[in-house]
Amino acid sequence: MAGQIHQMINMIIRKRSKGDPTIELTTKTKLVLKGMNPDKFTLSSPDDPQVIAKLKVIASELGVKL
């Protein structure tokens, strides 16, 4: 299923920011600093198990449950 990474990134941002644009921007910045550029992944991006595993770790570090 293509696009799973994109959906996970959006879920992390949405759950962490809770609609606050400032927290949304800082969350995107934190993702970039951790090696996950949200703009790099689209709904047609192939699902890479290593990237998905890394996103799960990042979500846990940010206090977000996927």
PDB file of N, CA and C in Angstrom:
ATOM      1  N   MET A   1       0.833  -1.178   0.000  1.00  0.00           N
ATOM      2  CA  MET A   1       0.000   0.000   0.000  1.00  0.00           C
ATOM      3  C   MET A   1       0.883   1.249   0.000  1.00  0.00           C
ATOM      4  N   ALA A   2       0.935   1.938  -1.089  1.00  0.00           N
ATOM      5  CA  ALA A   2       1.746   3.143  -1.202  1.00  0.00           C
ATOM      6  C   ALA A   2       1.117   4.274  -0.392  1.00  0.00           C
ATOM      7  N   GLY A   3       1.949   5.138   0.129  1.00  0.00           N
ATOM      8  CA  GLY A   3       1.464   6.307   0.849  1.00  0.00           C
ATOM      9  C   GLY A   3       1.359   6.138   2.351  1.00  0.00           C
ATOM     10  N   GLN A   4       1.721   4.994   2.864  1.00  0.00           N
ATOM     11  CA  GLN A   4       1.612   4.762   4.304  1.00  0.00           C
ATOM     12  C   GLN A   4       2.543   5.703   5.078  1.00  0.00           C
ATOM     13  N   ILE A   5       3.722   5.959   4.546  1.00  0.00           N
ATOM     14  CA  ILE A   5       4.678   6.853   5.211  1.00  0.00           C
ATOM     15  C   ILE A   5       4.098   8.264   5.279  1.00  0.00           C
ATOM     16  N   HIS A   6       3.537   8.708   4.173  1.00  0.00           N
ATOM     17  CA  HIS A   6       2.928  10.043   4.111  1.00  0.00           C
ATOM     18  C   HIS A   6       1.821  10.163   5.155  1.00  0.00           C
ATOM     19  N   GLN A   7       0.992   9.154   5.265  1.00  0.00           N
ATOM     20  CA  GLN A   7      -0.104   9.166   6.230  1.00  0.00           C
ATOM     21  C   GLN A   7       0.415   9.167   7.666  1.00  0.00           C
ATOM     22  N   MET A   8       1.471   8.406   7.917  1.00  0.00           N
ATOM     23  CA  MET A   8       2.044   8.358   9.263  1.00  0.00           C
ATOM     24  C   MET A   8       2.614   9.715   9.656  1.00  0.00           C
ATOM     25  N   ILE A   9       3.319  10.364   8.736  1.00  0.00           N
ATOM     26  CA  ILE A   9       3.898  11.679   9.004  1.00  0.00           C
ATOM     27  C   ILE A   9       2.784  12.678   9.312  1.00  0.00           C
ATOM     28  N   ASN A  10       1.738  12.664   8.495  1.00  0.00           N
ATOM     29  CA  ASN A  10       0.626  13.587   8.724  1.00  0.00           C
ATOM     30  C   ASN A  10      -0.054  13.322  10.062  1.00  0.00           C
ATOM     31  N   MET A  11      -0.156  12.050  10.444  1.00  0.00           N
ATOM     32  CA  MET A  11      -0.780  11.705  11.710  1.00  0.00           C
ATOM     33  C   MET A  11       0.066  12.210  12.882  1.00  0.00           C
ATOM     34  N   ILE A  12       1.373  12.052  12.790  1.00  0.00           N
ATOM     35  CA  ILE A  12       2.271  12.547  13.839  1.00  0.00           C
ATOM     36  C   ILE A  12       2.101  14.052  13.993  1.00  0.00           C
ATOM     37  N   ILE A  13       2.113  14.760  12.879  1.00  0.00           N
ATOM     38  CA  ILE A  13       1.985  16.221  12.913  1.00  0.00           C
ATOM     39  C   ILE A  13       0.625  16.628  13.469  1.00  0.00           C
ATOM     40  N   ARG A  14      -0.433  15.994  13.008  1.00  0.00           N
ATOM     41  CA  ARG A  14      -1.794  16.343  13.426  1.00  0.00           C
ATOM     42  C   ARG A  14      -2.010  16.063  14.917  1.00  0.00           C
ATOM     43  N   LYS A  15      -1.579  14.889  15.385  1.00  0.00           N
ATOM     44  CA  LYS A  15      -1.801  14.532  16.785  1.00  0.00           C
ATOM     45  C   LYS A  15      -0.968  15.401  17.723  1.00  0.00           C
ATOM     46  N   ARG A  16       0.245  15.716  17.315  1.00  0.00           N
ATOM     47  CA  ARG A  16       1.115  16.492  18.186  1.00  0.00           C
ATOM     48  C   ARG A  16       0.708  17.962  18.230  1.00  0.00           C
ATOM     49  N   SER A  17       0.293  18.511  17.094  1.00  0.00           N
ATOM     50  CA  SER A  17      -0.014  19.937  17.037  1.00  0.00           C
ATOM     51  C   SER A  17      -1.413  20.273  17.544  1.00  0.00           C
ATOM     52  N   LYS A  18      -2.349  19.341  17.415  1.00  0.00           N
ATOM     53  CA  LYS A  18      -3.735  19.561  17.836  1.00  0.00           C
ATOM     54  C   LYS A  18      -4.291  20.868  17.275  1.00  0.00           C
ATOM     55  N   GLY A  19      -3.927  21.174  16.022  1.00  0.00           N
ATOM     56  CA  GLY A  19      -4.455  22.352  15.343  1.00  0.00           C
ATOM     57  C   GLY A  19      -3.657  23.631  15.545  1.00  0.00           C
ATOM     58  N   ASP A  20      -2.638  23.608  16.386  1.00  0.00           N
ATOM     59  CA  ASP A  20      -1.817  24.800  16.625  1.00  0.00           C
ATOM     60  C   ASP A  20      -0.758  24.912  15.528  1.00  0.00           C
ATOM     61  N   PRO A  21      -0.810  25.977  14.702  1.00  0.00           N
ATOM     62  CA  PRO A  21       0.130  26.104  13.578  1.00  0.00           C
ATOM     63  C   PRO A  21       1.597  26.206  14.013  1.00  0.00           C
ATOM     64  N   THR A  22       1.847  26.792  15.174  1.00  0.00           N
ATOM     65  CA  THR A  22       3.225  26.912  15.652  1.00  0.00           C
ATOM     66  C   THR A  22       3.797  25.542  15.990  1.00  0.00           C
ATOM     67  N   ILE A  23       3.016  24.733  16.690  1.00  0.00           N
ATOM     68  CA  ILE A  23       3.485  23.389  17.053  1.00  0.00           C
ATOM     69  C   ILE A  23       3.598  22.527  15.796  1.00  0.00           C
ATOM     70  N   GLU A  24       2.706  22.740  14.829  1.00  0.00           N
ATOM     71  CA  GLU A  24       2.788  22.012  13.563  1.00  0.00           C
ATOM     72  C   GLU A  24       4.119  22.297  12.870  1.00  0.00           C
ATOM     73  N   LEU A  25       4.511  23.560  12.838  1.00  0.00           N
ATOM     74  CA  LEU A  25       5.772  23.932  12.199  1.00  0.00           C
ATOM     75  C   LEU A  25       6.976  23.367  12.948  1.00  0.00           C
ATOM     76  N   THR A  26       6.938  23.431  14.283  1.00  0.00           N
ATOM     77  CA  THR A  26       8.064  22.889  15.048  1.00  0.00           C
ATOM     78  C   THR A  26       8.150  21.367  14.927  1.00  0.00           C
ATOM     79  N   THR A  27       6.994  20.709  14.818  1.00  0.00           N
ATOM     80  CA  THR A  27       6.991  19.258  14.641  1.00  0.00           C
ATOM     81  C   THR A  27       7.602  18.890  13.290  1.00  0.00           C
ATOM     82  N   LYS A  28       7.242  19.626  12.241  1.00  0.00           N
ATOM     83  CA  LYS A  28       7.843  19.385  10.920  1.00  0.00           C
ATOM     84  C   LYS A  28       9.347  19.594  10.976  1.00  0.00           C
ATOM     85  N   THR A  29       9.771  20.632  11.691  1.00  0.00           N
ATOM     86  CA  THR A  29      11.206  20.910  11.826  1.00  0.00           C
ATOM     87  C   THR A  29      11.908  19.771  12.561  1.00  0.00           C
ATOM     88  N   LYS A  30      11.291  19.275  13.620  1.00  0.00           N
ATOM     89  CA  LYS A  30      11.881  18.155  14.373  1.00  0.00           C
ATOM     90  C   LYS A  30      11.990  16.914  13.496  1.00  0.00           C
ATOM     91  N   LEU A  31      10.976  16.679  12.676  1.00  0.00           N
ATOM     92  CA  LEU A  31      11.029  15.534  11.763  1.00  0.00           C
ATOM     93  C   LEU A  31      12.194  15.677  10.787  1.00  0.00           C
ATOM     94  N   VAL A  32      12.380  16.879  10.258  1.00  0.00           N
ATOM     95  CA  VAL A  32      13.489  17.116   9.324  1.00  0.00           C
ATOM     96  C   VAL A  32      14.821  16.890  10.028  1.00  0.00           C
ATOM     97  N   LEU A  33      14.954  17.398  11.259  1.00  0.00           N
ATOM     98  CA  LEU A  33      16.199  17.221  12.014  1.00  0.00           C
ATOM     99  C   LEU A  33      16.484  15.760  12.328  1.00  0.00           C
ATOM    100  N   LYS A  34      15.436  14.958  12.404  1.00  0.00           N
ATOM    101  CA  LYS A  34      15.598  13.522  12.663  1.00  0.00           C
ATOM    102  C   LYS A  34      15.729  12.714  11.370  1.00  0.00           C
ATOM    103  N   GLY A  35      15.783  13.412  10.224  1.00  0.00           N
ATOM    104  CA  GLY A  35      16.016  12.736   8.958  1.00  0.00           C
ATOM    105  C   GLY A  35      14.771  12.397   8.165  1.00  0.00           C
ATOM    106  N   MET A  36      13.602  12.886   8.567  1.00  0.00           N
ATOM    107  CA  MET A  36      12.347  12.616   7.864  1.00  0.00           C
ATOM    108  C   MET A  36      11.769  13.922   7.330  1.00  0.00           C
ATOM    109  N   ASN A  37      12.028  14.234   6.085  1.00  0.00           N
ATOM    110  CA  ASN A  37      11.482  15.445   5.487  1.00  0.00           C
ATOM    111  C   ASN A  37      10.040  15.177   5.056  1.00  0.00           C
ATOM    112  N   PRO A  38       9.051  15.812   5.701  1.00  0.00           N
ATOM    113  CA  PRO A  38       7.642  15.560   5.370  1.00  0.00           C
ATOM    114  C   PRO A  38       7.305  15.877   3.913  1.00  0.00           C
ATOM    115  N   ASP A  39       8.011  16.836   3.320  1.00  0.00           N
ATOM    116  CA  ASP A  39       7.728  17.220   1.936  1.00  0.00           C
ATOM    117  C   ASP A  39       8.255  16.203   0.925  1.00  0.00           C
ATOM    118  N   LYS A  40       9.102  15.307   1.364  1.00  0.00           N
ATOM    119  CA  LYS A  40       9.704  14.309   0.474  1.00  0.00           C
ATOM    120  C   LYS A  40       8.731  13.165   0.154  1.00  0.00           C
ATOM    121  N   PHE A  41       7.773  12.929   1.034  1.00  0.00           N
ATOM    122  CA  PHE A  41       6.881  11.786   0.888  1.00  0.00           C
ATOM    123  C   PHE A  41       5.492  12.227   0.447  1.00  0.00           C
ATOM    124  N   THR A  42       4.938  11.511  -0.537  1.00  0.00           N
ATOM    125  CA  THR A  42       3.599  11.795  -1.044  1.00  0.00           C
ATOM    126  C   THR A  42       2.750  10.535  -0.917  1.00  0.00           C
ATOM    127  N   LEU A  43       1.506  10.633  -1.336  1.00  0.00           N
ATOM    128  CA  LEU A  43       0.625   9.462  -1.292  1.00  0.00           C
ATOM    129  C   LEU A  43       1.073   8.366  -2.258  1.00  0.00           C
ATOM    130  N   SER A  44       1.890   8.729  -3.247  1.00  0.00           N
ATOM    131  CA  SER A  44       2.363   7.723  -4.203  1.00  0.00           C
ATOM    132  C   SER A  44       3.767   7.205  -3.868  1.00  0.00           C
ATOM    133  N   SER A  45       4.342   7.669  -2.746  1.00  0.00           N
ATOM    134  CA  SER A  45       5.667   7.195  -2.336  1.00  0.00           C
ATOM    135  C   SER A  45       5.582   5.732  -1.917  1.00  0.00           C
ATOM    136  N   PRO A  46       6.548   4.920  -2.351  1.00  0.00           N
ATOM    137  CA  PRO A  46       6.526   3.507  -1.957  1.00  0.00           C
ATOM    138  C   PRO A  46       6.794   3.360  -0.453  1.00  0.00           C
ATOM    139  N   ASP A  47       6.227   2.325   0.131  1.00  0.00           N
ATOM    140  CA  ASP A  47       6.403   2.073   1.554  1.00  0.00           C
ATOM    141  C   ASP A  47       7.688   1.297   1.789  1.00  0.00           C
ATOM    142  N   ASP A  48       8.599   1.909   2.532  1.00  0.00           N
ATOM    143  CA  ASP A  48       9.872   1.297   2.867  1.00  0.00           C
ATOM    144  C   ASP A  48       9.808   0.869   4.334  1.00  0.00           C
ATOM    145  N   PRO A  49       9.945  -0.420   4.615  1.00  0.00           N
ATOM    146  CA  PRO A  49       9.839  -0.901   5.998  1.00  0.00           C
ATOM    147  C   PRO A  49      10.825  -0.224   6.961  1.00  0.00           C
ATOM    148  N   GLN A  50      12.010   0.117   6.480  1.00  0.00           N
ATOM    149  CA  GLN A  50      12.989   0.783   7.339  1.00  0.00           C
ATOM    150  C   GLN A  50      12.529   2.187   7.714  1.00  0.00           C
ATOM    151  N   VAL A  51      11.952   2.910   6.763  1.00  0.00           N
ATOM    152  CA  VAL A  51      11.454   4.261   7.025  1.00  0.00           C
ATOM    153  C   VAL A  51      10.266   4.194   7.982  1.00  0.00           C
ATOM    154  N   ILE A  52       9.388   3.221   7.791  1.00  0.00           N
ATOM    155  CA  ILE A  52       8.229   3.055   8.663  1.00  0.00           C
ATOM    156  C   ILE A  52       8.694   2.766  10.095  1.00  0.00           C
ATOM    157  N   ALA A  53       9.690   1.915  10.245  1.00  0.00           N
ATOM    158  CA  ALA A  53      10.220   1.598  11.577  1.00  0.00           C
ATOM    159  C   ALA A  53      10.818   2.848  12.218  1.00  0.00           C
ATOM    160  N   LYS A  54      11.545   3.632  11.441  1.00  0.00           N
ATOM    161  CA  LYS A  54      12.152   4.855  11.953  1.00  0.00           C
ATOM    162  C   LYS A  54      11.068   5.850  12.381  1.00  0.00           C
ATOM    163  N   LEU A  55       9.994   5.948  11.598  1.00  0.00           N
ATOM    164  CA  LEU A  55       8.889   6.847  11.943  1.00  0.00           C
ATOM    165  C   LEU A  55       8.219   6.427  13.244  1.00  0.00           C
ATOM    166  N   LYS A  56       8.107   5.128  13.473  1.00  0.00           N
ATOM    167  CA  LYS A  56       7.503   4.642  14.720  1.00  0.00           C
ATOM    168  C   LYS A  56       8.356   5.048  15.918  1.00  0.00           C
ATOM    169  N   VAL A  57       9.667   4.982  15.762  1.00  0.00           N
ATOM    170  CA  VAL A  57      10.575   5.395  16.833  1.00  0.00           C
ATOM    171  C   VAL A  57      10.452   6.899  17.080  1.00  0.00           C
ATOM    172  N   ILE A  58      10.437   7.680  16.005  1.00  0.00           N
ATOM    173  CA  ILE A  58      10.314   9.134  16.122  1.00  0.00           C
ATOM    174  C   ILE A  58       8.988   9.499  16.787  1.00  0.00           C
ATOM    175  N   ALA A  59       7.910   8.856  16.389  1.00  0.00           N
ATOM    176  CA  ALA A  59       6.598   9.121  16.992  1.00  0.00           C
ATOM    177  C   ALA A  59       6.639   8.858  18.499  1.00  0.00           C
ATOM    178  N   SER A  60       7.272   7.761  18.862  1.00  0.00           N
ATOM    179  CA  SER A  60       7.393   7.420  20.274  1.00  0.00           C
ATOM    180  C   SER A  60       8.192   8.499  21.022  1.00  0.00           C
ATOM    181  N   GLU A  61       9.280   8.956  20.423  1.00  0.00           N
ATOM    182  CA  GLU A  61      10.103   9.997  21.031  1.00  0.00           C
ATOM    183  C   GLU A  61       9.325  11.291  21.205  1.00  0.00           C
ATOM    184  N   LEU A  62       8.421  11.579  20.282  1.00  0.00           N
ATOM    185  CA  LEU A  62       7.632  12.809  20.339  1.00  0.00           C
ATOM    186  C   LEU A  62       6.362  12.659  21.174  1.00  0.00           C
ATOM    187  N   GLY A  63       6.137  11.451  21.701  1.00  0.00           N
ATOM    188  CA  GLY A  63       4.985  11.221  22.552  1.00  0.00           C
ATOM    189  C   GLY A  63       3.679  11.031  21.790  1.00  0.00           C
ATOM    190  N   VAL A  64       3.792  10.558  20.552  1.00  0.00           N
ATOM    191  CA  VAL A  64       2.617  10.349  19.711  1.00  0.00           C
ATOM    192  C   VAL A  64       2.411   8.861  19.506  1.00  0.00           C
ATOM    193  N   LYS A  65       1.178   8.408  19.705  1.00  0.00           N
ATOM    194  CA  LYS A  65       0.853   7.004  19.500  1.00  0.00           C
ATOM    195  C   LYS A  65       0.263   6.837  18.111  1.00  0.00           C
ATOM    196  N   LEU A  66       0.856   5.949  17.312  1.00  0.00           N
ATOM    197  CA  LEU A  66       0.355   5.718  15.955  1.00  0.00           C
ATOM    198  C   LEU A  66      -0.603   4.562  15.907  1.00  0.00           C
TER     199      LEU A  66
END
